[in-house]
Amino acid sequence: MGGQTFGMGRPNPAMNMGSINQQNKAAATMHSPSLSPSSKDLPIHYSFNVPFASDLAGPNTEDILYATERAVLRWTHPEDAPDDVPIYELPVHAQNVMNLRKLCQDLTNSPQPIEAHVKSTEPKRVKGQVTTVCLSGTPELVHRGKEAILNDTPLALVS
């Protein structure tokens, strides 16, 4: 068999080198950083639950009286509220969700290319409220956005 390759006779060095050079040029063009964005620039979509302590009913009304001003109004339902109002609708919990929505709106309206949205639901099989934040943007902005949200949000402590 000597110099024969796959029964095709003698190899032609000029032909092989030409095809190898063309393949290398094609591969270099396809993987050129100037033509394809790097993975750090590609947008990602990331969702996470925000563990509010929205099942926390709060202290006894007598104890609230000696706390900060307007604390009773934050930790009790209005007098005209029906008896079956869920705990997560207490003004303090509703305010936490509104603050989170405002924070996400501020992130979306910032000059940075990031979007942040809040979705709060009351699942049928879970008691309480589930709040989810969805972020879209570059990995760095999404990471910074999640960090800002979790640092500025009162979360439930879990042991």
Protein backbone atom coordinates (compact mmCIF):
# COMPACT_ATOMS: atom_id res chain seq x y z
CA MET A 1 0.00 0.00 0.00
CA GLY A 2 2.97 2.32 0.55
CA GLY A 3 1.93 5.82 -0.56
CA GLN A 4 -1.67 5.06 -1.44
CA THR A 5 -4.45 6.54 0.61
CA PHE A 6 -7.73 4.61 0.67
CA GLY A 7 -6.99 3.14 -2.76
CA MET A 8 -6.92 6.52 -4.49
CA GLY A 9 -3.30 6.44 -5.69
CA ARG A 10 -0.65 8.88 -4.64
CA PRO A 11 -1.84 11.81 -2.57
CA ASN A 12 -1.55 15.23 -4.15
CA PRO A 13 0.09 17.52 -1.55
CA ALA A 14 -1.11 20.71 -3.28
CA MET A 15 -4.72 19.52 -3.28
CA ASN A 16 -4.64 18.40 0.36
CA MET A 17 -2.99 21.61 1.58
CA GLY A 18 -5.52 23.73 -0.33
CA SER A 19 -8.48 21.93 1.20
CA ILE A 20 -6.93 22.09 4.71
CA ASN A 21 -6.28 25.83 4.35
CA GLN A 22 -9.87 26.40 3.17
CA GLN A 23 -11.20 24.43 6.15
CA ASN A 24 -9.01 26.39 8.57
CA LYS A 25 -10.19 29.69 7.06
CA ALA A 26 -13.81 28.58 7.31
CA ALA A 27 -13.33 27.46 10.92
CA ALA A 28 -11.55 30.70 11.81
CA THR A 29 -14.34 32.74 10.23
CA MET A 30 -17.07 30.78 11.99
CA HIS A 31 -15.44 31.14 15.42
CA SER A 32 -14.21 34.69 15.00
CA PRO A 33 -15.06 36.75 18.10
CA SER A 34 -15.88 39.72 15.92
CA LEU A 35 -18.67 37.86 14.14
CA SER A 36 -20.30 36.01 17.03
CA PRO A 37 -21.20 37.54 20.39
CA SER A 38 -19.52 36.08 23.42
CA SER A 39 -21.58 34.14 25.93
CA LYS A 40 -21.29 36.98 28.44
CA ASP A 41 -23.21 39.25 26.03
CA LEU A 42 -26.02 36.82 25.21
CA PRO A 43 -29.24 37.57 27.09
CA ILE A 44 -30.48 35.05 29.63
CA HIS A 45 -33.86 34.64 31.30
CA TYR A 46 -33.81 33.86 35.01
CA SER A 47 -36.69 33.35 37.43
CA PHE A 48 -36.59 32.93 41.18
CA ASN A 49 -39.07 32.93 44.05
CA VAL A 50 -38.88 35.66 46.64
CA PRO A 51 -39.48 34.07 50.05
CA PHE A 52 -41.56 36.77 51.75
CA ALA A 53 -42.72 36.06 55.29
CA SER A 54 -46.27 36.68 54.08
CA ASP A 55 -47.71 34.02 56.39
CA LEU A 56 -46.53 36.02 59.42
CA ALA A 57 -49.63 37.32 61.19
CA GLY A 58 -47.72 39.78 63.33
CA PRO A 59 -47.72 40.52 67.04
CA ASN A 60 -50.71 40.91 69.36
CA THR A 61 -52.51 44.20 68.91
CA GLU A 62 -51.70 45.20 72.50
CA ASP A 63 -47.99 44.80 71.79
CA ILE A 64 -48.21 46.88 68.62
CA LEU A 65 -49.49 49.92 70.49
CA TYR A 66 -46.08 50.49 72.03
CA ALA A 67 -44.20 49.98 68.79
CA THR A 68 -43.55 52.52 66.04
CA GLU A 69 -46.13 55.00 64.83
CA ARG A 70 -48.77 53.52 62.47
CA ALA A 71 -47.58 49.95 63.22
CA VAL A 72 -51.13 48.91 64.15
CA LEU A 73 -52.33 49.98 60.70
CA ARG A 74 -49.57 47.98 58.98
CA TRP A 75 -50.14 44.77 60.96
CA THR A 76 -53.95 44.66 61.09
CA HIS A 77 -56.65 44.46 58.44
CA PRO A 78 -58.96 47.46 58.07
CA GLU A 79 -62.12 47.29 60.21
CA ASP A 80 -64.34 46.86 57.14
CA ALA A 81 -62.33 43.87 55.83
CA PRO A 82 -64.13 40.52 55.69
CA ASP A 83 -63.18 37.84 58.24
CA ASP A 84 -61.61 35.48 55.67
CA VAL A 85 -58.95 37.89 54.33
CA PRO A 86 -55.65 35.98 53.97
CA ILE A 87 -52.68 37.01 56.11
CA TYR A 88 -50.60 37.90 53.04
CA GLU A 89 -53.03 40.76 52.35
CA LEU A 90 -52.04 42.55 55.56
CA PRO A 91 -50.88 46.07 54.63
CA VAL A 92 -47.28 45.29 55.64
CA HIS A 93 -47.12 42.27 53.29
CA ALA A 94 -48.94 44.04 50.44
CA GLN A 95 -46.47 46.94 50.81
CA ASN A 96 -43.52 44.54 50.51
CA VAL A 97 -44.87 43.22 47.19
CA MET A 98 -45.54 46.78 45.97
CA ASN A 99 -41.98 47.77 46.89
CA LEU A 100 -40.66 44.75 44.96
CA ARG A 101 -42.74 45.73 41.92
CA LYS A 102 -41.36 49.28 42.12
CA LEU A 103 -37.79 47.98 42.38
CA CYS A 104 -38.32 45.77 39.30
CA GLN A 105 -39.91 48.66 37.42
CA ASP A 106 -36.91 50.85 38.28
CA LEU A 107 -34.55 48.14 37.00
CA THR A 108 -36.52 47.86 33.75
CA ASN A 109 -36.62 51.65 33.27
CA SER A 110 -32.90 52.05 33.97
CA PRO A 111 -30.55 52.73 31.05
CA GLN A 112 -29.14 49.20 31.44
CA PRO A 113 -30.57 46.56 29.05
CA ILE A 114 -32.41 44.48 31.68
CA GLU A 115 -36.07 43.67 32.26
CA ALA A 116 -37.54 42.68 35.60
CA HIS A 117 -41.10 41.54 36.26
CA VAL A 118 -42.99 40.32 39.33
CA LYS A 119 -45.70 37.68 39.36
CA SER A 120 -47.63 36.97 42.57
CA THR A 121 -50.04 34.05 42.68
CA GLU A 122 -52.04 32.08 45.18
CA PRO A 123 -51.54 28.44 44.18
CA LYS A 124 -54.36 26.04 44.89
CA ARG A 125 -52.16 23.46 46.62
CA VAL A 126 -49.97 25.84 48.60
CA LYS A 127 -51.23 27.94 51.49
CA GLY A 128 -50.29 31.56 51.02
CA GLN A 129 -48.85 33.61 48.23
CA VAL A 130 -45.95 32.82 45.90
CA THR A 131 -44.01 35.76 44.45
CA THR A 132 -41.70 35.16 41.49
CA VAL A 133 -39.30 37.60 39.85
CA CYS A 134 -38.31 37.14 36.21
CA LEU A 135 -35.15 38.84 34.95
CA SER A 136 -33.94 39.10 31.35
CA GLY A 137 -30.60 40.55 30.29
CA THR A 138 -26.92 39.76 30.14
CA PRO A 139 -25.68 37.32 32.80
CA GLU A 140 -23.82 40.09 34.63
CA LEU A 141 -26.85 42.42 34.74
CA VAL A 142 -29.17 39.58 35.77
CA HIS A 143 -26.79 38.61 38.59
CA ARG A 144 -26.52 42.22 39.78
CA GLY A 145 -30.29 42.68 39.49
CA LYS A 146 -31.01 39.58 41.57
CA GLU A 147 -28.46 40.70 44.15
CA ALA A 148 -30.06 44.16 44.39
CA ILE A 149 -33.55 42.68 44.72
CA LEU A 150 -32.59 40.21 47.45
CA ASN A 151 -30.58 42.84 49.35
CA ASP A 152 -33.46 45.36 49.30
CA THR A 153 -36.28 42.94 50.11
CA PRO A 154 -37.35 41.69 53.56
CA LEU A 155 -37.14 37.90 53.26
CA ALA A 156 -38.38 35.07 55.45
CA LEU A 157 -35.64 33.49 57.50
CA VAL A 158 -35.52 29.75 56.98
CA SER A 159 -33.60 27.41 59.23
